[in-house]
């Protein structure tokens, strides 16, 4: 699981790096393609955040790299659980409104509800990860998912 987490983080980082606005401009993409790639880039940010959530949950203090760190260039430093929690939370909050709405997203792709669900799960266990309970934030994000009208319990 550890290696799979970091394999996915590496793939996401490389996609995010290659999908930078300046790279897309160099490559001559149309405006429609640029907008589509930006959405994919935000979905890759979600997948990276999900992988880091698994790392926080299963392993605690883990090595940290992002899209600016080239593969194999150095041995990454470990980041403590609370700092990684804060990073993942900020990533998720910054892309929440950038992803597709839950009712229109194609199957298998990350939506705003996916971000909200992951935030709810993080807040549910925030006391373990950071030492501070965040149950009211958990409730807020659960309500966002429930009240979206895009999901039902079976």
C-alpha atoms as a PDB file:
ATOM      1  CA  UNK A   1       0.000   0.000   0.000  1.00  0.00           C
ATOM      2  CA  UNK A   2       2.831   2.395   0.870  1.00  0.00           C
ATOM      3  CA  UNK A   3       4.465   1.988  -2.534  1.00  0.00           C
ATOM      4  CA  UNK A   4       1.150   2.295  -4.359  1.00  0.00           C
ATOM      5  CA  UNK A   5       0.403   5.548  -2.524  1.00  0.00           C
ATOM      6  CA  UNK A   6       3.707   7.040  -3.605  1.00  0.00           C
ATOM      7  CA  UNK A   7       3.423   5.677  -7.131  1.00  0.00           C
ATOM      8  CA  UNK A   8       0.091   7.469  -7.505  1.00  0.00           C
ATOM      9  CA  UNK A   9       1.505  10.660  -5.959  1.00  0.00           C
ATOM     10  CA  UNK A  10       4.363  10.524  -8.477  1.00  0.00           C
ATOM     11  CA  UNK A  11       1.974  10.071 -11.420  1.00  0.00           C
ATOM     12  CA  UNK A  12      -0.226  12.935 -10.212  1.00  0.00           C
ATOM     13  CA  UNK A  13       2.768  15.217  -9.651  1.00  0.00           C
ATOM     14  CA  UNK A  14       4.051  14.567 -13.160  1.00  0.00           C
ATOM     15  CA  UNK A  15       0.638  15.224 -14.726  1.00  0.00           C
ATOM     16  CA  UNK A  16       0.233  18.436 -12.712  1.00  0.00           C
ATOM     17  CA  UNK A  17       3.752  19.521 -13.757  1.00  0.00           C
ATOM     18  CA  UNK A  18       3.109  18.803 -17.441  1.00  0.00           C
ATOM     19  CA  UNK A  19      -0.325  20.483 -17.316  1.00  0.00           C
ATOM     20  CA  UNK A  20       0.942  23.839 -16.053  1.00  0.00           C
ATOM     21  CA  UNK A  21      -0.514  26.807 -17.927  1.00  0.00           C
ATOM     22  CA  UNK A  22       2.870  27.802 -19.351  1.00  0.00           C
ATOM     23  CA  UNK A  23       3.441  24.252 -20.655  1.00  0.00           C
ATOM     24  CA  UNK A  24       0.025  24.213 -22.309  1.00  0.00           C
ATOM     25  CA  UNK A  25       0.744  27.581 -23.944  1.00  0.00           C
ATOM     26  CA  UNK A  26       4.060  26.214 -25.302  1.00  0.00           C
ATOM     27  CA  UNK A  27       2.272  23.208 -26.754  1.00  0.00           C
ATOM     28  CA  UNK A  28      -0.347  25.218 -28.616  1.00  0.00           C
ATOM     29  CA  UNK A  29      -3.532  23.747 -27.139  1.00  0.00           C
ATOM     30  CA  UNK A  30      -6.857  25.321 -28.052  1.00  0.00           C
ATOM     31  CA  UNK A  31      -8.718  27.232 -25.354  1.00  0.00           C
ATOM     32  CA  UNK A  32     -11.286  24.418 -25.075  1.00  0.00           C
ATOM     33  CA  UNK A  33      -8.484  21.868 -24.587  1.00  0.00           C
ATOM     34  CA  UNK A  34      -6.795  24.097 -21.996  1.00  0.00           C
ATOM     35  CA  UNK A  35     -10.027  24.295 -19.977  1.00  0.00           C
ATOM     36  CA  UNK A  36     -10.483  20.522 -20.172  1.00  0.00           C
ATOM     37  CA  UNK A  37      -6.855  19.932 -19.122  1.00  0.00           C
ATOM     38  CA  UNK A  38      -7.248  22.346 -16.187  1.00  0.00           C
ATOM     39  CA  UNK A  39     -10.171  20.222 -14.977  1.00  0.00           C
ATOM     40  CA  UNK A  40      -8.041  17.082 -15.334  1.00  0.00           C
ATOM     41  CA  UNK A  41      -5.224  18.830 -13.463  1.00  0.00           C
ATOM     42  CA  UNK A  42      -7.586  19.606 -10.585  1.00  0.00           C
ATOM     43  CA  UNK A  43      -8.766  15.993 -10.598  1.00  0.00           C
ATOM     44  CA  UNK A  44      -5.106  14.924 -10.372  1.00  0.00           C
ATOM     45  CA  UNK A  45      -4.722  17.266  -7.401  1.00  0.00           C
ATOM     46  CA  UNK A  46      -7.698  15.510  -5.806  1.00  0.00           C
ATOM     47  CA  UNK A  47      -6.161  12.076  -6.434  1.00  0.00           C
ATOM     48  CA  UNK A  48      -2.864  13.244  -4.946  1.00  0.00           C
ATOM     49  CA  UNK A  49      -4.718  14.596  -1.897  1.00  0.00           C
ATOM     50  CA  UNK A  50      -6.533  11.261  -1.573  1.00  0.00           C
ATOM     51  CA  UNK A  51      -3.204   9.438  -1.677  1.00  0.00           C
ATOM     52  CA  UNK A  52      -1.740  11.732   0.960  1.00  0.00           C
ATOM     53  CA  UNK A  53      -4.873  11.158   3.065  1.00  0.00           C
ATOM     54  CA  UNK A  54      -4.179   7.417   2.898  1.00  0.00           C
ATOM     55  CA  UNK A  55      -0.548   8.090   3.849  1.00  0.00           C
ATOM     56  CA  UNK A  56      -1.628  10.213   6.844  1.00  0.00           C
ATOM     57  CA  UNK A  57      -4.150   7.624   7.929  1.00  0.00           C
ATOM     58  CA  UNK A  58      -2.015   4.517   7.523  1.00  0.00           C
ATOM     59  CA  UNK A  59       1.536   5.705   8.129  1.00  0.00           C
ATOM     60  CA  UNK A  60       1.560   9.076   9.948  1.00  0.00           C
ATOM     61  CA  UNK A  61       4.680  11.116   9.246  1.00  0.00           C
ATOM     62  CA  UNK A  62       5.663  10.426   5.647  1.00  0.00           C
ATOM     63  CA  UNK A  63       7.932  11.862   2.927  1.00  0.00           C
ATOM     64  CA  UNK A  64       6.438  14.833   1.092  1.00  0.00           C
ATOM     65  CA  UNK A  65       6.851  15.815  -2.550  1.00  0.00           C
ATOM     66  CA  UNK A  66       4.763  17.907  -4.893  1.00  0.00           C
ATOM     67  CA  UNK A  67       4.820  18.730  -8.591  1.00  0.00           C
ATOM     68  CA  UNK A  68       7.845  20.999  -8.177  1.00  0.00           C
ATOM     69  CA  UNK A  69      10.028  18.129  -6.928  1.00  0.00           C
ATOM     70  CA  UNK A  70      11.565  16.142  -9.748  1.00  0.00           C
ATOM     71  CA  UNK A  71      11.615  12.359  -9.365  1.00  0.00           C
ATOM     72  CA  UNK A  72      14.901  10.981  -8.053  1.00  0.00           C
ATOM     73  CA  UNK A  73      16.491  14.424  -7.647  1.00  0.00           C
ATOM     74  CA  UNK A  74      16.777  14.134  -3.859  1.00  0.00           C
ATOM     75  CA  UNK A  75      15.649  12.188  -0.806  1.00  0.00           C
ATOM     76  CA  UNK A  76      12.481  13.962   0.389  1.00  0.00           C
ATOM     77  CA  UNK A  77      12.109  15.047   3.992  1.00  0.00           C
ATOM     78  CA  UNK A  78       9.327  13.677   6.132  1.00  0.00           C
ATOM     79  CA  UNK A  79       6.400  15.913   6.963  1.00  0.00           C
ATOM     80  CA  UNK A  80       4.542  15.526  10.238  1.00  0.00           C
ATOM     81  CA  UNK A  81       0.929  14.408  10.210  1.00  0.00           C
ATOM     82  CA  UNK A  82      -0.516  17.756  11.258  1.00  0.00           C
ATOM     83  CA  UNK A  83       1.365  19.674   8.558  1.00  0.00           C
ATOM     84  CA  UNK A  84       0.380  17.179   5.868  1.00  0.00           C
ATOM     85  CA  UNK A  85      -3.225  17.358   7.084  1.00  0.00           C
ATOM     86  CA  UNK A  86      -3.108  21.151   6.663  1.00  0.00           C
ATOM     87  CA  UNK A  87      -1.619  20.788   3.159  1.00  0.00           C
ATOM     88  CA  UNK A  88      -4.251  18.266   2.047  1.00  0.00           C
ATOM     89  CA  UNK A  89      -7.054  20.371   3.543  1.00  0.00           C
ATOM     90  CA  UNK A  90      -5.835  23.490   1.706  1.00  0.00           C
ATOM     91  CA  UNK A  91      -5.497  21.569  -1.593  1.00  0.00           C
ATOM     92  CA  UNK A  92      -9.012  20.178  -1.288  1.00  0.00           C
ATOM     93  CA  UNK A  93     -10.552  23.515  -0.382  1.00  0.00           C
ATOM     94  CA  UNK A  94      -8.797  25.227  -3.288  1.00  0.00           C
ATOM     95  CA  UNK A  95     -10.155  22.743  -5.858  1.00  0.00           C
ATOM     96  CA  UNK A  96     -13.618  22.152  -4.384  1.00  0.00           C
ATOM     97  CA  UNK A  97     -15.275  24.723  -6.624  1.00  0.00           C
ATOM     98  CA  UNK A  98     -13.066  23.909  -9.627  1.00  0.00           C
ATOM     99  CA  UNK A  99     -14.268  20.343 -10.156  1.00  0.00           C
ATOM    100  CA  UNK A 100     -17.441  19.337 -11.945  1.00  0.00           C
ATOM    101  CA  UNK A 101     -20.723  19.279 -10.041  1.00  0.00           C
ATOM    102  CA  UNK A 102     -21.759  15.860  -8.725  1.00  0.00           C
ATOM    103  CA  UNK A 103     -24.799  15.569 -10.989  1.00  0.00           C
ATOM    104  CA  UNK A 104     -22.900  16.139 -14.242  1.00  0.00           C
ATOM    105  CA  UNK A 105     -19.511  14.515 -13.679  1.00  0.00           C
ATOM    106  CA  UNK A 106     -18.876  11.413 -15.835  1.00  0.00           C
ATOM    107  CA  UNK A 107     -18.669   8.096 -14.010  1.00  0.00           C
ATOM    108  CA  UNK A 108     -15.310   7.419 -12.387  1.00  0.00           C
ATOM    109  CA  UNK A 109     -14.168  11.027 -12.195  1.00  0.00           C
ATOM    110  CA  UNK A 110     -13.771  13.238  -9.141  1.00  0.00           C
ATOM    111  CA  UNK A 111     -16.526  15.739  -8.427  1.00  0.00           C
ATOM    112  CA  UNK A 112     -17.104  18.437  -5.863  1.00  0.00           C
ATOM    113  CA  UNK A 113     -18.825  15.801  -3.716  1.00  0.00           C
ATOM    114  CA  UNK A 114     -15.685  13.648  -3.791  1.00  0.00           C
ATOM    115  CA  UNK A 115     -13.731  16.579  -2.352  1.00  0.00           C
ATOM    116  CA  UNK A 116     -16.414  17.208   0.271  1.00  0.00           C
ATOM    117  CA  UNK A 117     -16.521  13.530   1.249  1.00  0.00           C
ATOM    118  CA  UNK A 118     -12.757  13.400   1.678  1.00  0.00           C
ATOM    119  CA  UNK A 119     -12.809  16.566   3.768  1.00  0.00           C
ATOM    120  CA  UNK A 120     -15.551  15.037   5.948  1.00  0.00           C
ATOM    121  CA  UNK A 121     -13.452  11.893   6.463  1.00  0.00           C
ATOM    122  CA  UNK A 122     -10.403  13.975   7.337  1.00  0.00           C
ATOM    123  CA  UNK A 123     -12.343  16.100   9.803  1.00  0.00           C
ATOM    124  CA  UNK A 124     -13.875  13.002  11.400  1.00  0.00           C
ATOM    125  CA  UNK A 125     -10.380  11.812  12.340  1.00  0.00           C
ATOM    126  CA  UNK A 126      -8.702  15.219  12.702  1.00  0.00           C
ATOM    127  CA  UNK A 127      -8.158  14.712  16.419  1.00  0.00           C
ATOM    128  CA  UNK A 128      -5.948  11.690  15.684  1.00  0.00           C
ATOM    129  CA  UNK A 129      -4.023  13.489  12.935  1.00  0.00           C
ATOM    130  CA  UNK A 130      -3.672  16.961  14.472  1.00  0.00           C
ATOM    131  CA  UNK A 131      -4.678  16.762  18.113  1.00  0.00           C
ATOM    132  CA  UNK A 132      -7.698  19.005  17.493  1.00  0.00           C
ATOM    133  CA  UNK A 133     -11.254  17.698  17.075  1.00  0.00           C
ATOM    134  CA  UNK A 134     -13.091  19.009  13.998  1.00  0.00           C
ATOM    135  CA  UNK A 135     -16.478  17.309  14.327  1.00  0.00           C
ATOM    136  CA  UNK A 136     -18.474  20.413  13.389  1.00  0.00           C
ATOM    137  CA  UNK A 137     -16.473  20.696  10.147  1.00  0.00           C
ATOM    138  CA  UNK A 138     -17.159  17.006   9.510  1.00  0.00           C
ATOM    139  CA  UNK A 139     -20.888  17.625   9.932  1.00  0.00           C
ATOM    140  CA  UNK A 140     -20.762  20.649   7.611  1.00  0.00           C
ATOM    141  CA  UNK A 141     -19.134  18.671   4.793  1.00  0.00           C
ATOM    142  CA  UNK A 142     -21.389  15.639   5.289  1.00  0.00           C
ATOM    143  CA  UNK A 143     -24.380  17.955   4.948  1.00  0.00           C
ATOM    144  CA  UNK A 144     -22.943  19.419   1.731  1.00  0.00           C
ATOM    145  CA  UNK A 145     -22.796  15.935   0.208  1.00  0.00           C
ATOM    146  CA  UNK A 146     -26.218  14.897   1.528  1.00  0.00           C
ATOM    147  CA  UNK A 147     -27.863  18.155   0.475  1.00  0.00           C
ATOM    148  CA  UNK A 148     -26.348  18.144  -3.023  1.00  0.00           C
ATOM    149  CA  UNK A 149     -29.234  15.947  -4.144  1.00  0.00           C
ATOM    150  CA  UNK A 150     -26.875  13.983  -6.372  1.00  0.00           C
ATOM    151  CA  UNK A 151     -26.522  10.950  -4.119  1.00  0.00           C
ATOM    152  CA  UNK A 152     -28.817   8.494  -2.409  1.00  0.00           C
ATOM    153  CA  UNK A 153     -28.431   5.732   0.118  1.00  0.00           C
ATOM    154  CA  UNK A 154     -29.174   2.243  -1.150  1.00  0.00           C
END
